[in-house]
C-alpha cells in the first residue's frame, strides 16, 4: 500500500478513518491550546488551558479505543473483547497517579 492510499484497508476503512479523524481533532485541540497558552498574558490562564488539555488526552484515548473495539466486535469473541476492553481500562486507570 502506498502512502495516502487507503483502498487497501478494505472493510476496516471506515473504522480506521474514524479513529484517525478523532486523533486529528485531538491534534487541533492541542494546537489551539498551544496558541492560547502562548498568547495568554497570565500564568493562571495558561494553567487553566493546560488543565483542560489534560482532560482531552484520556477522553480521546477512551473514544478511539471504543471505536476500534466496536470495529472488532463482529470478529472477536465476547471473552476476548472483554479482555481487550479491560486492558484499555487498566491503561487508563494506570495513568492516574495518587500522591
C-alpha atoms as a PDB file:
ATOM      1  CA  UNK A   1       0.000   0.000   0.000  1.00  0.00           C
ATOM      2  CA  UNK A   2       1.359   3.398  -0.982  1.00  0.00           C
ATOM      3  CA  UNK A   3       1.321   6.301   1.486  1.00  0.00           C
ATOM      4  CA  UNK A   4      -2.048   8.028   1.304  1.00  0.00           C
ATOM      5  CA  UNK A   5      -3.708   5.056  -0.442  1.00  0.00           C
ATOM      6  CA  UNK A   6      -6.459   3.819   1.856  1.00  0.00           C
ATOM      7  CA  UNK A   7      -8.015   1.373  -0.598  1.00  0.00           C
ATOM      8  CA  UNK A   8      -6.017  -1.478   0.938  1.00  0.00           C
ATOM      9  CA  UNK A   9      -7.863  -1.129   4.241  1.00  0.00           C
ATOM     10  CA  UNK A  10     -10.896  -2.966   2.895  1.00  0.00           C
ATOM     11  CA  UNK A  11     -13.828  -3.271   5.292  1.00  0.00           C
ATOM     12  CA  UNK A  12     -11.795  -1.701   8.105  1.00  0.00           C
ATOM     13  CA  UNK A  13     -11.548   1.584   6.233  1.00  0.00           C
ATOM     14  CA  UNK A  14     -14.474   3.312   7.943  1.00  0.00           C
ATOM     15  CA  UNK A  15     -13.333   2.402  11.447  1.00  0.00           C
ATOM     16  CA  UNK A  16      -9.699   3.319  10.758  1.00  0.00           C
ATOM     17  CA  UNK A  17     -10.721   6.644   9.231  1.00  0.00           C
ATOM     18  CA  UNK A  18     -12.970   7.395  12.233  1.00  0.00           C
ATOM     19  CA  UNK A  19     -10.119   6.609  14.613  1.00  0.00           C
ATOM     20  CA  UNK A  20      -7.757   8.830  12.617  1.00  0.00           C
ATOM     21  CA  UNK A  21     -10.327  11.642  12.457  1.00  0.00           C
ATOM     22  CA  UNK A  22     -10.733  11.630  16.239  1.00  0.00           C
ATOM     23  CA  UNK A  23      -6.957  11.776  16.662  1.00  0.00           C
ATOM     24  CA  UNK A  24      -6.790  14.648  14.122  1.00  0.00           C
ATOM     25  CA  UNK A  25      -9.380  16.602  16.130  1.00  0.00           C
ATOM     26  CA  UNK A  26      -7.297  15.947  19.222  1.00  0.00           C
ATOM     27  CA  UNK A  27      -4.251  17.424  17.498  1.00  0.00           C
ATOM     28  CA  UNK A  28      -6.256  20.507  16.528  1.00  0.00           C
ATOM     29  CA  UNK A  29      -7.349  20.932  20.163  1.00  0.00           C
ATOM     30  CA  UNK A  30      -3.731  20.622  21.313  1.00  0.00           C
ATOM     31  CA  UNK A  31      -2.540  23.201  18.771  1.00  0.00           C
ATOM     32  CA  UNK A  32      -5.357  25.562  19.764  1.00  0.00           C
ATOM     33  CA  UNK A  33      -4.325  25.085  23.394  1.00  0.00           C
ATOM     34  CA  UNK A  34      -0.724  25.828  22.464  1.00  0.00           C
ATOM     35  CA  UNK A  35      -1.750  29.096  20.853  1.00  0.00           C
ATOM     36  CA  UNK A  36      -3.915  30.034  23.841  1.00  0.00           C
ATOM     37  CA  UNK A  37      -1.069  29.305  26.244  1.00  0.00           C
ATOM     38  CA  UNK A  38       1.405  31.308  24.167  1.00  0.00           C
ATOM     39  CA  UNK A  39      -0.943  34.264  23.847  1.00  0.00           C
ATOM     40  CA  UNK A  40      -2.157  34.276  27.440  1.00  0.00           C
ATOM     41  CA  UNK A  41      -0.667  37.054  29.466  1.00  0.00           C
ATOM     42  CA  UNK A  42      -1.040  35.285  32.804  1.00  0.00           C
ATOM     43  CA  UNK A  43       0.268  32.055  34.267  1.00  0.00           C
ATOM     44  CA  UNK A  44      -3.137  31.301  35.821  1.00  0.00           C
ATOM     45  CA  UNK A  45      -4.847  31.441  32.435  1.00  0.00           C
ATOM     46  CA  UNK A  46      -2.173  29.242  30.867  1.00  0.00           C
ATOM     47  CA  UNK A  47      -2.614  26.690  33.670  1.00  0.00           C
ATOM     48  CA  UNK A  48      -6.383  26.610  33.117  1.00  0.00           C
ATOM     49  CA  UNK A  49      -5.839  25.902  29.426  1.00  0.00           C
ATOM     50  CA  UNK A  50      -3.293  23.235  30.293  1.00  0.00           C
ATOM     51  CA  UNK A  51      -5.692  21.544  32.716  1.00  0.00           C
ATOM     52  CA  UNK A  52      -8.413  21.457  30.058  1.00  0.00           C
ATOM     53  CA  UNK A  53      -5.957  19.884  27.637  1.00  0.00           C
ATOM     54  CA  UNK A  54      -5.082  17.331  30.306  1.00  0.00           C
ATOM     55  CA  UNK A  55      -8.672  16.089  30.155  1.00  0.00           C
ATOM     56  CA  UNK A  56      -8.662  15.816  26.365  1.00  0.00           C
ATOM     57  CA  UNK A  57      -5.937  13.156  26.130  1.00  0.00           C
ATOM     58  CA  UNK A  58      -7.645  10.444  28.210  1.00  0.00           C
ATOM     59  CA  UNK A  59     -11.027  11.152  26.623  1.00  0.00           C
ATOM     60  CA  UNK A  60      -9.543  10.777  23.152  1.00  0.00           C
ATOM     61  CA  UNK A  61      -7.802   7.542  24.197  1.00  0.00           C
ATOM     62  CA  UNK A  62     -11.063   6.049  25.504  1.00  0.00           C
ATOM     63  CA  UNK A  63     -13.057   7.231  22.476  1.00  0.00           C
ATOM     64  CA  UNK A  64     -10.584   5.940  19.886  1.00  0.00           C
ATOM     65  CA  UNK A  65     -10.330   2.638  21.753  1.00  0.00           C
ATOM     66  CA  UNK A  66     -14.124   2.318  21.872  1.00  0.00           C
ATOM     67  CA  UNK A  67     -14.372   2.946  18.128  1.00  0.00           C
ATOM     68  CA  UNK A  68     -11.690   0.326  17.488  1.00  0.00           C
ATOM     69  CA  UNK A  69     -13.374  -2.201  19.764  1.00  0.00           C
ATOM     70  CA  UNK A  70     -16.669  -1.597  18.017  1.00  0.00           C
ATOM     71  CA  UNK A  71     -14.956  -2.378  14.718  1.00  0.00           C
ATOM     72  CA  UNK A  72     -13.605  -5.634  16.162  1.00  0.00           C
ATOM     73  CA  UNK A  73     -16.864  -6.717  17.799  1.00  0.00           C
ATOM     74  CA  UNK A  74     -18.053  -8.850  14.889  1.00  0.00           C
ATOM     75  CA  UNK A  75     -14.702 -10.668  14.505  1.00  0.00           C
ATOM     76  CA  UNK A  76     -13.651 -11.266  18.079  1.00  0.00           C
ATOM     77  CA  UNK A  77     -15.393 -13.405  20.664  1.00  0.00           C
ATOM     78  CA  UNK A  78     -17.108 -11.786  23.623  1.00  0.00           C
ATOM     79  CA  UNK A  79     -14.461 -13.016  26.092  1.00  0.00           C
ATOM     80  CA  UNK A  80     -11.552 -11.646  24.061  1.00  0.00           C
ATOM     81  CA  UNK A  81     -13.387  -8.355  23.509  1.00  0.00           C
ATOM     82  CA  UNK A  82     -13.945  -8.065  27.275  1.00  0.00           C
ATOM     83  CA  UNK A  83     -10.250  -8.742  27.942  1.00  0.00           C
ATOM     84  CA  UNK A  84      -9.229  -6.050  25.440  1.00  0.00           C
ATOM     85  CA  UNK A  85     -11.701  -3.567  26.968  1.00  0.00           C
ATOM     86  CA  UNK A  86     -10.351  -4.395  30.435  1.00  0.00           C
ATOM     87  CA  UNK A  87      -6.818  -3.748  29.154  1.00  0.00           C
ATOM     88  CA  UNK A  88      -7.867  -0.330  27.861  1.00  0.00           C
ATOM     89  CA  UNK A  89      -9.479   0.430  31.216  1.00  0.00           C
ATOM     90  CA  UNK A  90      -6.359  -0.654  33.098  1.00  0.00           C
ATOM     91  CA  UNK A  91      -4.145   1.555  30.943  1.00  0.00           C
ATOM     92  CA  UNK A  92      -6.488   4.453  31.589  1.00  0.00           C
ATOM     93  CA  UNK A  93      -6.548   3.841  35.350  1.00  0.00           C
ATOM     94  CA  UNK A  94      -2.803   3.266  35.458  1.00  0.00           C
ATOM     95  CA  UNK A  95      -2.113   6.746  34.135  1.00  0.00           C
ATOM     96  CA  UNK A  96      -3.549   8.379  37.235  1.00  0.00           C
ATOM     97  CA  UNK A  97      -1.033   8.967  39.969  1.00  0.00           C
ATOM     98  CA  UNK A  98      -2.076   9.113  43.577  1.00  0.00           C
ATOM     99  CA  UNK A  99       0.160  11.028  45.900  1.00  0.00           C
END
